[in-house]
Amino acid sequence: MDWSICEAPVRFMPREDSPNNTQTFEDQKVLYRSDNHKALSVVARRYRVVQPHAVLEFFRDLTEVAGFELETGGCLKNGKKLWALARTGNASVLRGKDRIEGFVLLATSCDGTLATTATHTSVRVVCQNTLAVALGSSQGAVKVPHSTTFEPALVKSQLGIAVSQWSEFIYRMKHLAERKVSDKEAERFMRKLVGLPEDVAKPAEPLANGRSVKKMLDLFAGEGRGADLASAKGTAFGLLQACTQFVDHERRARNQDYRLDSAWFGAGASLKERALSQALELVV
């Protein structure tokens, strides 16, 4: 992340046989990397860039004053998305010494695919599964569109660096770890999650969805990391973790960049959010 996002005007040649006759398109600009000059995207002129160093600097005072620890940071898709993950110091243990730790994730993009987003995230240590801590709260994530200026202090204030949200999240996870589920319930849960009818599979069903259900059920039944712990074995928490492991580690992806992008910001993140919502319905 030791580079900057640079800007240049968009120019075009009205005629190929006149390379010296270039014109400028005023409404858009090209963003490119300062280190290798590779193009990142073409965006509207009003697009407000958040630099790689700003993503890391967001955590400086939190690490110096609030006890945070910068865990890791990086780029996805050659720099089109930038992110950093910091450990908050919050941690809890469920049945069977199943440890969950709290983090704050800050991510942004320079291609218009993601607003600058700060969110509370949990990581299950035994398997490194990640899950947003939002629980439907409006404070679960703060998003700053690129049409406005990114103000770190305001984002931190809106996100909240308190333990109340973490306590609520762990309270729910402990309830999930106490809720036993049968094999039939597990199958209905997974089928509903991917949009299949809850009865027996039919030949016309999409094969990919059927394979996803089978894989998640296998993870729940013992193949998943930490599936044999008391918190997860035959419980609603185990169902949720089977889904998160499927998204974070097992689901087919073009490469690790695309897998992480999906798990945190795309279709995978949406699947995990639905899984959490469904699981919480089991303990209402």
C-alpha atoms as a PDB file:
ATOM      1  CA  MET A   1       0.000   0.000   0.000  1.00  0.00           C
ATOM      2  CA  ASP A   2       3.064   2.220  -0.363  1.00  0.00           C
ATOM      3  CA  TRP A   3       1.749   4.107  -3.391  1.00  0.00           C
ATOM      4  CA  SER A   4      -0.803   6.804  -4.217  1.00  0.00           C
ATOM      5  CA  ILE A   5      -3.812   7.097  -6.490  1.00  0.00           C
ATOM      6  CA  CYS A   6      -3.112   9.667  -9.188  1.00  0.00           C
ATOM      7  CA  GLU A   7      -5.523  11.410 -11.550  1.00  0.00           C
ATOM      8  CA  ALA A   8      -5.344  12.312 -15.219  1.00  0.00           C
ATOM      9  CA  PRO A   9      -7.863  13.723 -17.705  1.00  0.00           C
ATOM     10  CA  VAL A  10      -9.663  11.445 -20.145  1.00  0.00           C
ATOM     11  CA  ARG A  11      -8.490  12.144 -23.709  1.00  0.00           C
ATOM     12  CA  PHE A  12      -9.608  10.644 -26.995  1.00  0.00           C
ATOM     13  CA  MET A  13      -8.780  10.792 -30.691  1.00  0.00           C
ATOM     14  CA  PRO A  14     -11.774  11.626 -32.912  1.00  0.00           C
ATOM     15  CA  ARG A  15      -9.870  10.174 -35.870  1.00  0.00           C
ATOM     16  CA  GLU A  16      -7.399   7.294 -35.727  1.00  0.00           C
ATOM     17  CA  ASP A  17      -5.366   8.772 -38.550  1.00  0.00           C
ATOM     18  CA  SER A  18      -4.801  11.953 -36.529  1.00  0.00           C
ATOM     19  CA  PRO A  19      -3.001  10.875 -33.337  1.00  0.00           C
ATOM     20  CA  ASN A  20      -1.943  14.420 -32.553  1.00  0.00           C
ATOM     21  CA  ASN A  21      -5.530  15.657 -32.619  1.00  0.00           C
ATOM     22  CA  THR A  22      -6.661  14.675 -29.117  1.00  0.00           C
ATOM     23  CA  GLN A  23      -9.567  16.099 -27.185  1.00  0.00           C
ATOM     24  CA  THR A  24     -10.398  16.041 -23.490  1.00  0.00           C
ATOM     25  CA  PHE A  25     -13.594  14.650 -21.980  1.00  0.00           C
ATOM     26  CA  GLU A  26     -14.157  16.992 -19.061  1.00  0.00           C
ATOM     27  CA  ASP A  27     -16.795  14.979 -17.174  1.00  0.00           C
ATOM     28  CA  GLN A  28     -14.524  12.058 -16.233  1.00  0.00           C
ATOM     29  CA  LYS A  29     -10.974  11.297 -15.125  1.00  0.00           C
ATOM     30  CA  VAL A  30      -8.609   8.332 -15.110  1.00  0.00           C
ATOM     31  CA  LEU A  31      -7.253   7.001 -11.802  1.00  0.00           C
ATOM     32  CA  TYR A  32      -3.894   5.216 -11.890  1.00  0.00           C
ATOM     33  CA  ARG A  33      -1.201   3.958  -9.522  1.00  0.00           C
ATOM     34  CA  SER A  34       1.804   6.145  -8.797  1.00  0.00           C
ATOM     35  CA  ASP A  35       4.222   3.213  -8.540  1.00  0.00           C
ATOM     36  CA  ASN A  36       3.606   1.335 -11.791  1.00  0.00           C
ATOM     37  CA  HIS A  37       1.308   3.784 -13.631  1.00  0.00           C
ATOM     38  CA  LYS A  38      -1.278   1.053 -14.216  1.00  0.00           C
ATOM     39  CA  ALA A  39      -4.797   2.325 -14.791  1.00  0.00           C
ATOM     40  CA  LEU A  40      -7.327   1.581 -12.032  1.00  0.00           C
ATOM     41  CA  SER A  41     -10.578   3.035 -13.361  1.00  0.00           C
ATOM     42  CA  VAL A  42     -12.377   5.836 -15.142  1.00  0.00           C
ATOM     43  CA  VAL A  43     -14.643   7.753 -12.766  1.00  0.00           C
ATOM     44  CA  ALA A  44     -16.685  10.947 -12.659  1.00  0.00           C
ATOM     45  CA  ARG A  45     -14.714  14.142 -12.110  1.00  0.00           C
ATOM     46  CA  ARG A  46     -16.475  14.676  -8.754  1.00  0.00           C
ATOM     47  CA  TYR A  47     -15.255  11.281  -7.466  1.00  0.00           C
ATOM     48  CA  ARG A  48     -13.424  11.772  -4.134  1.00  0.00           C
ATOM     49  CA  VAL A  49     -10.449   9.456  -3.788  1.00  0.00           C
ATOM     50  CA  VAL A  50      -9.380   7.885  -0.476  1.00  0.00           C
ATOM     51  CA  GLN A  51      -5.651   7.209  -0.617  1.00  0.00           C
ATOM     52  CA  PRO A  52      -4.037   3.923   0.561  1.00  0.00           C
ATOM     53  CA  HIS A  53      -2.162   5.725   3.348  1.00  0.00           C
ATOM     54  CA  ALA A  54      -5.461   7.228   4.588  1.00  0.00           C
ATOM     55  CA  VAL A  55      -6.888   3.724   5.064  1.00  0.00           C
ATOM     56  CA  LEU A  56      -3.975   2.848   7.357  1.00  0.00           C
ATOM     57  CA  GLU A  57      -3.863   6.245   9.107  1.00  0.00           C
ATOM     58  CA  PHE A  58      -7.512   5.772  10.099  1.00  0.00           C
ATOM     59  CA  PHE A  59      -6.288   3.408  12.832  1.00  0.00           C
ATOM     60  CA  ARG A  60      -3.306   5.409  14.109  1.00  0.00           C
ATOM     61  CA  ASP A  61      -4.979   7.091  17.071  1.00  0.00           C
ATOM     62  CA  LEU A  62      -6.995   3.945  17.801  1.00  0.00           C
ATOM     63  CA  THR A  63      -3.791   1.932  18.157  1.00  0.00           C
ATOM     64  CA  GLU A  64      -2.048   4.635  20.202  1.00  0.00           C
ATOM     65  CA  VAL A  65      -4.925   5.529  22.550  1.00  0.00           C
ATOM     66  CA  ALA A  66      -7.768   3.011  22.361  1.00  0.00           C
ATOM     67  CA  GLY A  67      -5.737  -0.204  22.498  1.00  0.00           C
ATOM     68  CA  PHE A  68      -6.398  -1.344  18.938  1.00  0.00           C
ATOM     69  CA  GLU A  69      -3.807  -3.414  17.076  1.00  0.00           C
ATOM     70  CA  LEU A  70      -3.470  -3.141  13.308  1.00  0.00           C
ATOM     71  CA  GLU A  71      -3.709  -6.751  12.161  1.00  0.00           C
ATOM     72  CA  THR A  72      -3.248  -6.560   8.389  1.00  0.00           C
ATOM     73  CA  GLY A  73      -4.055  -4.527   5.307  1.00  0.00           C
ATOM     74  CA  GLY A  74      -3.843  -4.877   1.591  1.00  0.00           C
ATOM     75  CA  CYS A  75      -5.211  -4.436  -1.903  1.00  0.00           C
ATOM     76  CA  LEU A  76      -7.621  -6.424  -4.014  1.00  0.00           C
ATOM     77  CA  LYS A  77      -7.805  -6.555  -7.809  1.00  0.00           C
ATOM     78  CA  ASN A  78      -4.472  -4.792  -8.357  1.00  0.00           C
ATOM     79  CA  GLY A  79      -5.418  -1.892  -6.100  1.00  0.00           C
ATOM     80  CA  LYS A  80      -9.018  -1.240  -7.081  1.00  0.00           C
ATOM     81  CA  LYS A  81     -10.061  -2.056  -3.512  1.00  0.00           C
ATOM     82  CA  LEU A  82      -8.061  -1.171  -0.391  1.00  0.00           C
ATOM     83  CA  TRP A  83      -8.614  -2.426   3.138  1.00  0.00           C
ATOM     84  CA  ALA A  84      -7.178  -2.649   6.641  1.00  0.00           C
ATOM     85  CA  LEU A  85      -8.233  -4.782   9.593  1.00  0.00           C
ATOM     86  CA  ALA A  86      -7.575  -3.885  13.236  1.00  0.00           C
ATOM     87  CA  ARG A  87      -8.063  -5.955  16.360  1.00  0.00           C
ATOM     88  CA  THR A  88     -10.237  -4.120  18.898  1.00  0.00           C
ATOM     89  CA  GLY A  89      -9.284  -6.137  21.970  1.00  0.00           C
ATOM     90  CA  ASN A  90     -12.806  -7.498  22.398  1.00  0.00           C
ATOM     91  CA  ALA A  91     -12.890 -11.277  22.721  1.00  0.00           C
ATOM     92  CA  SER A  92     -15.257 -13.900  24.124  1.00  0.00           C
ATOM     93  CA  VAL A  93     -15.252 -17.660  24.520  1.00  0.00           C
ATOM     94  CA  LEU A  94     -18.244 -19.906  23.800  1.00  0.00           C
ATOM     95  CA  ARG A  95     -18.744 -23.484  24.963  1.00  0.00           C
ATOM     96  CA  GLY A  96     -15.813 -25.781  24.229  1.00  0.00           C
ATOM     97  CA  LYS A  97     -13.230 -22.967  24.327  1.00  0.00           C
ATOM     98  CA  ASP A  98     -14.518 -21.583  21.029  1.00  0.00           C
ATOM     99  CA  ARG A  99     -12.906 -18.122  20.896  1.00  0.00           C
ATOM    100  CA  ILE A 100     -14.311 -15.192  18.910  1.00  0.00           C
ATOM    101  CA  GLU A 101     -12.398 -11.925  18.541  1.00  0.00           C
ATOM    102  CA  GLY A 102     -13.562  -8.455  17.521  1.00  0.00           C
ATOM    103  CA  PHE A 103     -12.128  -6.364  14.685  1.00  0.00           C
ATOM    104  CA  VAL A 104     -12.890  -3.192  12.778  1.00  0.00           C
ATOM    105  CA  LEU A 105     -12.585  -3.365   9.005  1.00  0.00           C
ATOM    106  CA  LEU A 106     -12.082  -0.247   6.884  1.00  0.00           C
ATOM    107  CA  ALA A 107     -12.313  -0.627   3.126  1.00  0.00           C
ATOM    108  CA  THR A 108     -12.657   1.597   0.099  1.00  0.00           C
ATOM    109  CA  SER A 109     -12.485   1.406  -3.682  1.00  0.00           C
ATOM    110  CA  CYS A 110     -11.269   3.576  -6.520  1.00  0.00           C
ATOM    111  CA  ASP A 111     -13.528   2.087  -9.187  1.00  0.00           C
ATOM    112  CA  GLY A 112     -16.948   3.005  -7.798  1.00  0.00           C
ATOM    113  CA  THR A 113     -17.830  -0.527  -6.651  1.00  0.00           C
ATOM    114  CA  LEU A 114     -17.625   0.195  -2.910  1.00  0.00           C
ATOM    115  CA  ALA A 115     -18.224   3.245  -0.758  1.00  0.00           C
ATOM    116  CA  THR A 116     -15.617   3.851   1.923  1.00  0.00           C
ATOM    117  CA  THR A 117     -16.963   1.496   4.598  1.00  0.00           C
ATOM    118  CA  ALA A 118     -16.084   0.966   8.261  1.00  0.00           C
ATOM    119  CA  THR A 119     -17.681  -1.995   9.995  1.00  0.00           C
ATOM    120  CA  HIS A 120     -17.408  -4.148  13.098  1.00  0.00           C
ATOM    121  CA  THR A 121     -16.334  -7.697  12.212  1.00  0.00           C
ATOM    122  CA  SER A 122     -15.866 -10.876  14.212  1.00  0.00           C
ATOM    123  CA  VAL A 123     -13.347 -13.648  13.561  1.00  0.00           C
ATOM    124  CA  ARG A 124     -13.758 -17.167  14.900  1.00  0.00           C
ATOM    125  CA  VAL A 125     -10.192 -18.116  15.792  1.00  0.00           C
ATOM    126  CA  VAL A 126     -10.401 -21.880  15.187  1.00  0.00           C
ATOM    127  CA  CYS A 127     -11.301 -21.444  11.515  1.00  0.00           C
ATOM    128  CA  GLN A 128     -10.725 -17.742  10.715  1.00  0.00           C
ATOM    129  CA  ASN A 129     -14.365 -17.396   9.632  1.00  0.00           C
ATOM    130  CA  THR A 130     -15.459 -13.754   9.436  1.00  0.00           C
ATOM    131  CA  LEU A 131     -18.902 -12.386  10.232  1.00  0.00           C
ATOM    132  CA  ALA A 132     -20.227  -8.828  10.453  1.00  0.00           C
ATOM    133  CA  VAL A 133     -21.352  -7.795  13.936  1.00  0.00           C
ATOM    134  CA  ALA A 134     -24.165  -5.550  12.668  1.00  0.00           C
ATOM    135  CA  LEU A 135     -27.218  -7.569  13.802  1.00  0.00           C
ATOM    136  CA  GLY A 136     -29.434  -5.216  11.864  1.00  0.00           C
ATOM    137  CA  SER A 137     -28.206  -2.176  13.813  1.00  0.00           C
ATOM    138  CA  SER A 138     -27.805   1.073  11.927  1.00  0.00           C
ATOM    139  CA  GLN A 139     -24.419   1.392  13.660  1.00  0.00           C
ATOM    140  CA  GLY A 140     -23.194  -1.897  12.197  1.00  0.00           C
ATOM    141  CA  ALA A 141     -21.442  -0.120   9.324  1.00  0.00           C
ATOM    142  CA  VAL A 142     -20.728   3.444   8.287  1.00  0.00           C
ATOM    143  CA  LYS A 143     -20.586   4.132   4.554  1.00  0.00           C
ATOM    144  CA  VAL A 144     -19.191   7.285   2.988  1.00  0.00           C
ATOM    145  CA  PRO A 145     -20.014   7.674  -0.727  1.00  0.00           C
ATOM    146  CA  HIS A 146     -17.220   8.889  -2.983  1.00  0.00           C
ATOM    147  CA  SER A 147     -19.264  11.964  -3.846  1.00  0.00           C
ATOM    148  CA  THR A 148     -18.428  13.310  -0.370  1.00  0.00           C
ATOM    149  CA  THR A 149     -15.215  13.820   1.590  1.00  0.00           C
ATOM    150  CA  PHE A 150     -14.026  11.000   3.861  1.00  0.00           C
ATOM    151  CA  GLU A 151     -13.703  12.385   7.404  1.00  0.00           C
ATOM    152  CA  PRO A 152     -12.099   9.763   9.684  1.00  0.00           C
ATOM    153  CA  ALA A 153     -13.091  11.396  12.990  1.00  0.00           C
ATOM    154  CA  LEU A 154     -16.742  11.567  11.964  1.00  0.00           C
ATOM    155  CA  VAL A 155     -16.737   7.951  10.790  1.00  0.00           C
ATOM    156  CA  LYS A 156     -15.265   6.773  14.109  1.00  0.00           C
ATOM    157  CA  SER A 157     -17.897   8.726  15.996  1.00  0.00           C
ATOM    158  CA  GLN A 158     -20.717   7.227  13.949  1.00  0.00           C
ATOM    159  CA  LEU A 159     -19.324   3.691  14.105  1.00  0.00           C
ATOM    160  CA  GLY A 160     -18.848   3.765  17.852  1.00  0.00           C
ATOM    161  CA  ILE A 161     -15.872   2.172  19.547  1.00  0.00           C
ATOM    162  CA  ALA A 162     -17.915   0.847  22.476  1.00  0.00           C
ATOM    163  CA  VAL A 163     -18.364  -2.660  23.818  1.00  0.00           C
ATOM    164  CA  SER A 164     -22.179  -2.627  23.915  1.00  0.00           C
ATOM    165  CA  GLN A 165     -22.617  -3.850  20.356  1.00  0.00           C
ATOM    166  CA  TRP A 166     -20.019  -6.561  20.873  1.00  0.00           C
ATOM    167  CA  SER A 167     -21.770  -7.703  24.061  1.00  0.00           C
ATOM    168  CA  GLU A 168     -25.086  -7.958  22.212  1.00  0.00           C
ATOM    169  CA  PHE A 169     -23.469  -9.945  19.406  1.00  0.00           C
ATOM    170  CA  ILE A 170     -21.837 -12.446  21.778  1.00  0.00           C
ATOM    171  CA  TYR A 171     -25.098 -12.757  23.727  1.00  0.00           C
ATOM    172  CA  ARG A 172     -26.795 -13.854  20.504  1.00  0.00           C
ATOM    173  CA  MET A 173     -23.950 -16.231  19.578  1.00  0.00           C
ATOM    174  CA  LYS A 174     -24.182 -17.945  22.978  1.00  0.00           C
ATOM    175  CA  HIS A 175     -27.901 -18.468  22.449  1.00  0.00           C
ATOM    176  CA  LEU A 176     -27.189 -20.014  19.037  1.00  0.00           C
ATOM    177  CA  ALA A 177     -24.619 -22.321  20.654  1.00  0.00           C
ATOM    178  CA  GLU A 178     -27.315 -23.587  23.067  1.00  0.00           C
ATOM    179  CA  ARG A 179     -29.950 -24.203  20.375  1.00  0.00           C
ATOM    180  CA  LYS A 180     -29.822 -27.814  19.175  1.00  0.00           C
ATOM    181  CA  VAL A 181     -30.922 -28.550  15.606  1.00  0.00           C
ATOM    182  CA  SER A 182     -31.876 -31.844  13.983  1.00  0.00           C
ATOM    183  CA  ASP A 183     -30.569 -33.084  10.633  1.00  0.00           C
ATOM    184  CA  LYS A 184     -33.931 -32.233   9.056  1.00  0.00           C
ATOM    185  CA  GLU A 185     -33.806 -28.707  10.447  1.00  0.00           C
ATOM    186  CA  ALA A 186     -30.271 -28.319   9.149  1.00  0.00           C
ATOM    187  CA  GLU A 187     -31.264 -29.364   5.642  1.00  0.00           C
ATOM    188  CA  ARG A 188     -34.277 -27.051   5.608  1.00  0.00           C
ATOM    189  CA  PHE A 189     -32.075 -24.221   6.848  1.00  0.00           C
ATOM    190  CA  MET A 190     -29.488 -24.661   4.074  1.00  0.00           C
ATOM    191  CA  ARG A 191     -32.071 -25.109   1.339  1.00  0.00           C
ATOM    192  CA  LYS A 192     -33.888 -21.963   2.371  1.00  0.00           C
ATOM    193  CA  LEU A 193     -30.581 -20.101   2.501  1.00  0.00           C
ATOM    194  CA  VAL A 194     -29.822 -20.721  -1.189  1.00  0.00           C
ATOM    195  CA  GLY A 195     -33.425 -20.289  -2.314  1.00  0.00           C
ATOM    196  CA  LEU A 196     -34.464 -23.913  -2.779  1.00  0.00           C
ATOM    197  CA  PRO A 197     -37.797 -25.375  -1.649  1.00  0.00           C
ATOM    198  CA  GLU A 198     -37.569 -26.960   1.769  1.00  0.00           C
ATOM    199  CA  ASP A 199     -38.842 -30.366   0.552  1.00  0.00           C
ATOM    200  CA  VAL A 200     -36.835 -33.083  -1.218  1.00  0.00           C
ATOM    201  CA  ALA A 201     -34.629 -31.985  -4.089  1.00  0.00           C
ATOM    202  CA  LYS A 202     -36.180 -32.087  -7.532  1.00  0.00           C
ATOM    203  CA  PRO A 203     -34.341 -32.896 -10.806  1.00  0.00           C
ATOM    204  CA  ALA A 204     -35.042 -29.383 -12.134  1.00  0.00           C
ATOM    205  CA  GLU A 205     -33.203 -27.661  -9.288  1.00  0.00           C
ATOM    206  CA  PRO A 206     -30.014 -25.758 -10.145  1.00  0.00           C
ATOM    207  CA  LEU A 207     -27.092 -28.124  -9.666  1.00  0.00           C
ATOM    208  CA  ALA A 208     -24.863 -25.397  -8.208  1.00  0.00           C
ATOM    209  CA  ASN A 209     -27.364 -24.682  -5.423  1.00  0.00           C
ATOM    210  CA  GLY A 210     -27.682 -28.377  -4.665  1.00  0.00           C
ATOM    211  CA  ARG A 211     -23.899 -28.738  -4.434  1.00  0.00           C
ATOM    212  CA  SER A 212     -23.725 -25.725  -2.136  1.00  0.00           C
ATOM    213  CA  VAL A 213     -26.325 -27.228   0.195  1.00  0.00           C
ATOM    214  CA  LYS A 214     -24.486 -30.561   0.298  1.00  0.00           C
ATOM    215  CA  LYS A 215     -21.136 -28.929   1.012  1.00  0.00           C
ATOM    216  CA  MET A 216     -22.513 -26.765   3.836  1.00  0.00           C
ATOM    217  CA  LEU A 217     -24.287 -29.770   5.362  1.00  0.00           C
ATOM    218  CA  ASP A 218     -21.034 -31.748   5.213  1.00  0.00           C
ATOM    219  CA  LEU A 219     -19.229 -28.894   6.964  1.00  0.00           C
ATOM    220  CA  PHE A 220     -21.944 -28.805   9.625  1.00  0.00           C
ATOM    221  CA  ALA A 221     -21.825 -32.590  10.082  1.00  0.00           C
ATOM    222  CA  GLY A 222     -18.152 -32.622  10.990  1.00  0.00           C
ATOM    223  CA  GLU A 223     -15.992 -31.609   8.039  1.00  0.00           C
ATOM    224  CA  GLY A 224     -15.866 -27.956   9.065  1.00  0.00           C
ATOM    225  CA  ARG A 225     -13.047 -26.535  11.166  1.00  0.00           C
ATOM    226  CA  GLY A 226     -14.233 -26.463  14.757  1.00  0.00           C
ATOM    227  CA  ALA A 227     -17.414 -28.393  13.869  1.00  0.00           C
ATOM    228  CA  ASP A 228     -16.708 -30.847  16.701  1.00  0.00           C
ATOM    229  CA  LEU A 229     -16.550 -28.159  19.406  1.00  0.00           C
ATOM    230  CA  ALA A 230     -19.402 -28.112  21.918  1.00  0.00           C
ATOM    231  CA  SER A 231     -20.540 -24.702  20.690  1.00  0.00           C
ATOM    232  CA  ALA A 232     -21.002 -25.899  17.099  1.00  0.00           C
ATOM    233  CA  LYS A 233     -21.749 -29.633  17.138  1.00  0.00           C
ATOM    234  CA  GLY A 234     -25.425 -30.023  16.241  1.00  0.00           C
ATOM    235  CA  THR A 235     -26.270 -26.397  17.099  1.00  0.00           C
ATOM    236  CA  ALA A 236     -27.586 -23.314  15.333  1.00  0.00           C
ATOM    237  CA  PHE A 237     -24.170 -21.732  15.840  1.00  0.00           C
ATOM    238  CA  GLY A 238     -22.672 -24.669  13.969  1.00  0.00           C
ATOM    239  CA  LEU A 239     -25.098 -24.070  11.101  1.00  0.00           C
ATOM    240  CA  LEU A 240     -24.009 -20.440  10.900  1.00  0.00           C
ATOM    241  CA  GLN A 241     -20.326 -21.353  10.966  1.00  0.00           C
ATOM    242  CA  ALA A 242     -20.799 -23.961   8.242  1.00  0.00           C
ATOM    243  CA  CYS A 243     -22.178 -21.183   6.043  1.00  0.00           C
ATOM    244  CA  THR A 244     -19.376 -18.757   6.888  1.00  0.00           C
ATOM    245  CA  GLN A 245     -16.673 -21.359   6.252  1.00  0.00           C
ATOM    246  CA  PHE A 246     -18.295 -22.225   2.922  1.00  0.00           C
ATOM    247  CA  VAL A 247     -18.188 -18.564   1.858  1.00  0.00           C
ATOM    248  CA  ASP A 248     -14.771 -17.699   3.304  1.00  0.00           C
ATOM    249  CA  HIS A 249     -12.835 -20.843   2.403  1.00  0.00           C
ATOM    250  CA  GLU A 250     -14.729 -23.381   0.282  1.00  0.00           C
ATOM    251  CA  ARG A 251     -16.855 -21.607  -2.313  1.00  0.00           C
ATOM    252  CA  ARG A 252     -15.552 -21.629  -5.861  1.00  0.00           C
ATOM    253  CA  ALA A 253     -13.788 -18.421  -6.864  1.00  0.00           C
ATOM    254  CA  ARG A 254     -11.511 -17.277  -9.677  1.00  0.00           C
ATOM    255  CA  ASN A 255      -8.748 -16.613  -7.149  1.00  0.00           C
ATOM    256  CA  GLN A 256      -8.234 -15.576  -3.525  1.00  0.00           C
ATOM    257  CA  ASP A 257      -8.750 -11.899  -4.383  1.00  0.00           C
ATOM    258  CA  TYR A 258     -12.217 -12.607  -5.736  1.00  0.00           C
ATOM    259  CA  ARG A 259     -13.039 -14.911  -2.802  1.00  0.00           C
ATOM    260  CA  LEU A 260     -12.154 -12.262  -0.221  1.00  0.00           C
ATOM    261  CA  ASP A 261     -13.940  -9.537  -2.181  1.00  0.00           C
ATOM    262  CA  SER A 262     -17.108 -11.648  -2.254  1.00  0.00           C
ATOM    263  CA  ALA A 263     -16.849 -12.726   1.398  1.00  0.00           C
ATOM    264  CA  TRP A 264     -16.479  -9.160   2.677  1.00  0.00           C
ATOM    265  CA  PHE A 265     -18.314  -6.992   0.173  1.00  0.00           C
ATOM    266  CA  GLY A 266     -20.230  -9.044  -2.387  1.00  0.00           C
ATOM    267  CA  ALA A 267     -22.475 -12.061  -2.820  1.00  0.00           C
ATOM    268  CA  GLY A 268     -20.685 -14.020  -0.104  1.00  0.00           C
ATOM    269  CA  ALA A 269     -21.238 -11.253   2.440  1.00  0.00           C
ATOM    270  CA  SER A 270     -24.949 -11.209   1.552  1.00  0.00           C
ATOM    271  CA  LEU A 271     -25.159 -14.981   2.009  1.00  0.00           C
ATOM    272  CA  LYS A 272     -23.563 -14.754   5.455  1.00  0.00           C
ATOM    273  CA  GLU A 273     -25.911 -11.937   6.413  1.00  0.00           C
ATOM    274  CA  ARG A 274     -28.933 -14.063   5.434  1.00  0.00           C
ATOM    275  CA  ALA A 275     -27.485 -17.028   7.332  1.00  0.00           C
ATOM    276  CA  LEU A 276     -27.147 -14.927  10.491  1.00  0.00           C
ATOM    277  CA  SER A 277     -30.712 -13.651  10.141  1.00  0.00           C
ATOM    278  CA  GLN A 278     -32.079 -17.177   9.630  1.00  0.00           C
ATOM    279  CA  ALA A 279     -30.068 -18.557  12.533  1.00  0.00           C
ATOM    280  CA  LEU A 280     -31.336 -15.858  14.893  1.00  0.00           C
ATOM    281  CA  GLU A 281     -34.895 -16.774  13.914  1.00  0.00           C
ATOM    282  CA  LEU A 282     -34.260 -20.205  15.456  1.00  0.00           C
ATOM    283  CA  VAL A 283     -33.766 -18.706  18.920  1.00  0.00           C
ATOM    284  CA  VAL A 284     -36.580 -16.140  18.929  1.00  0.00           C
END
